[in-house]
Every structure is written in structure tokens, then in C-alpha cells.
Amino acid sequence: MPIDFTFVPKHYAARDNEKMKEVLMDLESEAPAIHYYMIRGGVKQKNITIWEPGMVGGEYIKTYGHYHVGKLDETYWIVFGEGIVLLQKLARDEKGEMIPDVVEEFKAIPVKEGDKVYMPSGVGHLAVNIGNTYFVTADDSPVNFEEKNAVSLPGHADYELVKKMRGFAYYVVESFGQPALRKNSLYKEVKKIDAGGLLVI
């Protein structure tokens, strides 16, 4: 497939430690300068994300996380390494607005090379590298090369609710050499959890 290089300067992005501090469990621990890298191609050309291996404090390197708003779904294909994908659906109030600190359903999905994970509309997600190598995924999320206001798009990603809560309802941490889930104390309630076989501490 021929690649469209029209937006070459905008194809590449990295999430640095300064930005990631907004959603980390531990702000003071030593961390890599860059947590992960993105090569953005969009729905047809796919996007590639590459995570650094390692930890910040006791927490594994992860993506920032976001919610899909409107008619926007996404699939992750695991290209290399091993990780855990976290999905969470927030409860809604009487106006249909998401309640930031009440989770209707939380799910942890361990993944490895060859797996794929589907994220429906309205479901928040992030992914974590639990291996000793890079973790690499491809996805089919649309890319906003035109730099329009994301909220004006029919489907877009909302990062603000994740920022407000300093991450998802659980952090993926190391416990006795294995990945485990540690509750984020800012969340008031998690109604249903599927820990994917992970210990909850």
C-alpha cells in the first residue's frame, strides 16, 4: 500500500515524562525522558505505538489513556512484546454525562504478539508494557492532521477525564515480580471489575 506523506512533519509524536506526570501513580521516581512513541497514519494506513520497557516507581510504562466520545471505536493489534490493555466505562448521570470518579465496568486484558483488542465507543482505554522489550501495537484510530478542535469532530478522544483522575481506576504495578492492579484512591466506586487474572492489591 502506498503511504501518503502529505503530512510528514505531523506523522510522528512522542509522549514525554513531563506530560505523563499528569497520570502517574508516583511523580517523584526516576523515569525515562520519553515513555512512548507514535507514528500516525490514520484509519487506512494504521498508527504504530512503541512503548519503552521499564517502570516509574512501581508502575509499568503505559500510555496516557483516553475515552472515545461519539461514534468512534478502535482496534489494537499487538505486533511485538507483551502488555496489558485496560478498558473502563464510566457511569453516567441523569443528563448522560460521564461521572469521572464512578466506573461502571473495568477490565484488564493481558495481551501478547498476535492478539487484538477491540475498544467500543464510549470506553476509555490505555495500554501498559509489562515486558523486558519494547511493546508495539498497530491501531486504526483516525488522525486529526488538520489540527481541528477535536470536540468539533463527530468522534474524538477525550483526555481531560483521565487527567482529572490522575489515570484510570487501577494502576498496573509490580508485585513479587508479577504485574498486579493497585486501586487509584481518587475513584469513588468501581461497580464491576474483571482483573484478567491479575492480583488486585
Protein backbone atom coordinates (compact mmCIF):
# COMPACT_ATOMS: atom_id res chain seq x y z
CA MET A 1 0.00 0.00 0.00
CA PRO A 2 1.43 3.40 -0.92
CA ILE A 3 1.89 5.70 2.08
CA ASP A 4 0.54 9.25 1.99
CA PHE A 5 3.39 11.55 3.08
CA THR A 6 1.33 14.75 2.73
CA PHE A 7 1.55 15.41 6.47
CA VAL A 8 5.07 14.06 7.06
CA PRO A 9 6.02 16.56 9.82
CA LYS A 10 2.85 15.57 11.72
CA HIS A 11 3.23 11.79 11.40
CA TYR A 12 5.48 11.47 14.44
CA ALA A 13 4.85 12.22 18.11
CA ALA A 14 6.25 11.21 21.47
CA ARG A 15 4.80 11.32 24.97
CA ASP A 16 7.43 12.69 27.34
CA ASN A 17 7.74 12.27 31.09
CA GLU A 18 6.60 15.83 31.83
CA LYS A 19 3.24 15.15 30.17
CA MET A 20 2.91 11.67 31.69
CA LYS A 21 3.29 13.08 35.21
CA GLU A 22 -0.36 14.11 34.93
CA VAL A 23 -1.44 10.45 35.14
CA LEU A 24 1.33 8.63 37.02
CA MET A 25 0.90 6.89 40.36
CA ASP A 26 4.29 8.19 41.57
CA LEU A 27 5.57 11.57 40.41
CA GLU A 28 8.90 11.53 42.22
CA SER A 29 10.54 8.33 40.91
CA GLU A 30 13.13 8.25 38.16
CA ALA A 31 11.54 7.91 34.73
CA PRO A 32 12.58 7.77 31.07
CA ALA A 33 12.52 11.08 29.18
CA ILE A 34 10.10 9.52 26.65
CA HIS A 35 7.55 6.89 27.67
CA TYR A 36 6.23 6.01 24.22
CA TYR A 37 6.37 6.99 20.55
CA MET A 38 3.61 7.26 17.95
CA ILE A 39 3.77 7.01 14.16
CA ARG A 40 0.40 8.25 12.94
CA GLY A 41 -1.12 7.02 9.69
CA GLY A 42 -4.85 7.08 10.41
CA VAL A 43 -7.61 4.59 9.73
CA LYS A 44 -6.31 3.24 6.40
CA GLN A 45 -2.55 3.41 6.96
CA LYS A 46 -2.76 2.47 10.66
CA ASN A 47 -0.94 4.02 13.60
CA ILE A 48 2.06 2.41 15.29
CA THR A 49 2.79 2.93 19.00
CA ILE A 50 6.06 1.84 20.64
CA TRP A 51 6.42 1.70 24.43
CA GLU A 52 9.72 1.86 26.27
CA PRO A 53 10.28 -1.06 28.67
CA GLY A 54 10.68 -0.27 32.35
CA MET A 55 8.89 1.29 35.27
CA VAL A 56 8.22 4.58 37.02
CA GLY A 57 8.35 3.79 40.70
CA GLY A 58 6.44 0.53 40.91
CA GLU A 59 4.25 1.27 37.89
CA TYR A 60 4.85 -0.17 34.42
CA ILE A 61 5.26 2.20 31.45
CA LYS A 62 1.84 2.98 29.94
CA THR A 63 0.03 5.25 27.52
CA TYR A 64 -1.77 8.34 28.82
CA GLY A 65 -5.25 6.90 28.26
CA HIS A 66 -8.40 8.46 26.84
CA TYR A 67 -12.13 8.00 26.27
CA HIS A 68 -13.79 7.72 22.89
CA VAL A 69 -16.57 10.26 22.52
CA GLY A 70 -19.26 9.97 19.87
CA LYS A 71 -19.14 7.36 17.12
CA LEU A 72 -15.54 6.26 17.47
CA ASP A 73 -14.27 2.75 18.06
CA GLU A 74 -10.79 1.30 17.64
CA THR A 75 -8.89 -1.98 17.38
CA TYR A 76 -5.37 -2.67 18.69
CA TRP A 77 -3.25 -5.33 17.01
CA ILE A 78 -0.30 -6.48 19.14
CA VAL A 79 2.76 -6.52 16.88
CA PHE A 80 5.54 -7.24 19.40
CA GLY A 81 6.07 -7.80 23.11
CA GLU A 82 3.59 -8.30 25.91
CA GLY A 83 1.32 -5.93 27.72
CA ILE A 84 -1.97 -5.29 29.44
CA VAL A 85 -4.81 -3.27 27.92
CA LEU A 86 -7.10 -1.54 30.42
CA LEU A 87 -10.69 -0.74 29.47
CA GLN A 88 -13.04 1.25 31.66
CA LYS A 89 -16.55 2.53 31.17
CA LEU A 90 -17.67 5.40 33.38
CA ALA A 91 -21.12 5.65 34.92
CA ARG A 92 -23.34 8.45 33.58
CA ASP A 93 -25.55 10.97 35.35
CA GLU A 94 -29.19 11.82 34.56
CA LYS A 95 -28.04 14.11 31.71
CA GLY A 96 -25.98 11.34 30.13
CA GLU A 97 -22.65 12.92 31.11
CA MET A 98 -19.81 10.67 32.25
CA ILE A 99 -19.15 10.72 36.01
CA PRO A 100 -15.34 10.99 36.35
CA ASP A 101 -14.93 9.05 39.62
CA VAL A 102 -17.50 6.25 39.24
CA VAL A 103 -16.64 3.30 36.99
CA GLU A 104 -19.44 1.10 35.69
CA GLU A 105 -17.06 -1.58 34.42
CA PHE A 106 -13.28 -2.06 34.49
CA LYS A 107 -11.41 -4.74 32.57
CA ALA A 108 -7.73 -5.74 32.37
CA ILE A 109 -6.73 -7.78 29.29
CA PRO A 110 -3.26 -9.39 29.17
CA VAL A 111 -2.00 -9.41 25.55
CA LYS A 112 0.93 -10.71 23.54
CA GLU A 113 2.14 -10.70 19.94
CA GLY A 114 -0.65 -11.78 17.57
CA ASP A 115 -3.54 -10.73 19.82
CA LYS A 116 -6.05 -7.98 19.09
CA VAL A 117 -8.36 -5.94 21.32
CA TYR A 118 -11.50 -4.03 20.30
CA MET A 119 -12.42 -0.75 22.06
CA PRO A 120 -16.09 0.26 21.58
CA SER A 121 -17.37 3.83 21.53
CA GLY A 122 -17.57 5.43 24.97
CA VAL A 123 -14.99 3.14 26.54
CA GLY A 124 -11.74 4.51 27.97
CA HIS A 125 -8.56 2.62 27.29
CA LEU A 126 -4.82 2.61 27.82
CA ALA A 127 -2.09 0.01 27.35
CA VAL A 128 0.84 -1.00 29.52
CA ASN A 129 4.18 -2.60 28.64
CA ILE A 130 4.87 -5.40 31.14
CA GLY A 131 7.75 -7.00 29.20
CA ASN A 132 11.52 -6.51 29.12
CA THR A 133 11.44 -5.42 25.47
CA TYR A 134 9.66 -2.73 23.51
CA PHE A 135 5.90 -3.21 23.24
CA VAL A 136 4.48 -2.40 19.80
CA THR A 137 0.89 -2.08 18.59
CA ALA A 138 -0.91 -1.06 15.41
CA ASP A 139 -4.34 0.59 15.58
CA ASP A 140 -6.97 2.05 13.29
CA SER A 141 -7.85 5.23 15.16
CA PRO A 142 -8.49 8.29 12.96
CA VAL A 143 -5.82 11.00 13.00
CA ASN A 144 -6.55 14.72 13.11
CA PHE A 145 -3.81 16.01 10.77
CA GLU A 146 -5.77 19.20 10.11
CA GLU A 147 -5.50 20.24 13.80
CA LYS A 148 -9.20 20.97 14.06
CA ASN A 149 -10.72 21.30 17.50
CA ALA A 150 -11.21 17.65 18.48
CA VAL A 151 -14.53 18.38 20.18
CA SER A 152 -15.96 19.56 16.85
CA LEU A 153 -15.34 16.16 15.26
CA PRO A 154 -18.12 13.51 15.18
CA GLY A 155 -15.88 11.10 17.09
CA HIS A 156 -12.87 12.16 19.14
CA ALA A 157 -10.64 11.26 22.07
CA ASP A 158 -11.12 12.93 25.46
CA TYR A 159 -8.02 13.05 27.68
CA GLU A 160 -9.35 15.50 30.27
CA LEU A 161 -11.30 12.99 32.36
CA VAL A 162 -8.18 10.81 32.65
CA LYS A 163 -6.08 13.83 33.63
CA LYS A 164 -8.63 14.89 36.26
CA MET A 165 -8.45 11.47 37.94
CA ARG A 166 -4.64 11.07 37.56
CA GLY A 167 -5.09 7.95 35.46
CA PHE A 168 -7.50 5.04 35.36
CA ALA A 169 -9.20 3.34 38.33
CA TYR A 170 -6.26 0.95 38.71
CA TYR A 171 -2.53 1.29 38.09
CA VAL A 172 -0.58 -1.70 36.75
CA VAL A 173 2.25 -2.24 39.24
CA GLU A 174 4.84 -4.88 40.00
CA SER A 175 4.11 -7.16 42.96
CA PHE A 176 6.50 -10.02 43.77
CA GLY A 177 7.85 -9.88 40.21
CA GLN A 178 4.42 -10.04 38.56
CA PRO A 179 2.03 -7.38 37.23
CA ALA A 180 -0.84 -6.54 39.59
CA LEU A 181 -3.57 -3.91 39.90
CA ARG A 182 -3.41 -1.16 42.54
CA LYS A 183 -6.52 0.99 43.15
CA ASN A 184 -6.37 4.67 42.32
CA SER A 185 -7.76 6.25 45.51
CA LEU A 186 -9.30 9.20 43.63
CA TYR A 187 -12.06 6.94 42.29
CA LYS A 188 -15.14 6.75 44.50
CA GLU A 189 -16.53 3.47 43.16
CA VAL A 190 -15.78 0.65 40.72
CA LYS A 191 -19.01 -1.32 40.28
CA LYS A 192 -17.66 -4.26 38.28
CA ILE A 193 -14.09 -5.45 37.71
CA ASP A 194 -12.59 -8.17 35.56
CA ALA A 195 -8.94 -8.28 36.67
CA GLY A 196 -7.89 -10.59 33.82
CA GLY A 197 -6.23 -12.98 36.27
CA LEU A 198 -4.15 -10.24 37.87
CA LEU A 199 -3.81 -9.85 41.63
CA VAL A 200 -5.64 -6.76 42.98
CA ILE A 201 -3.73 -5.10 45.81
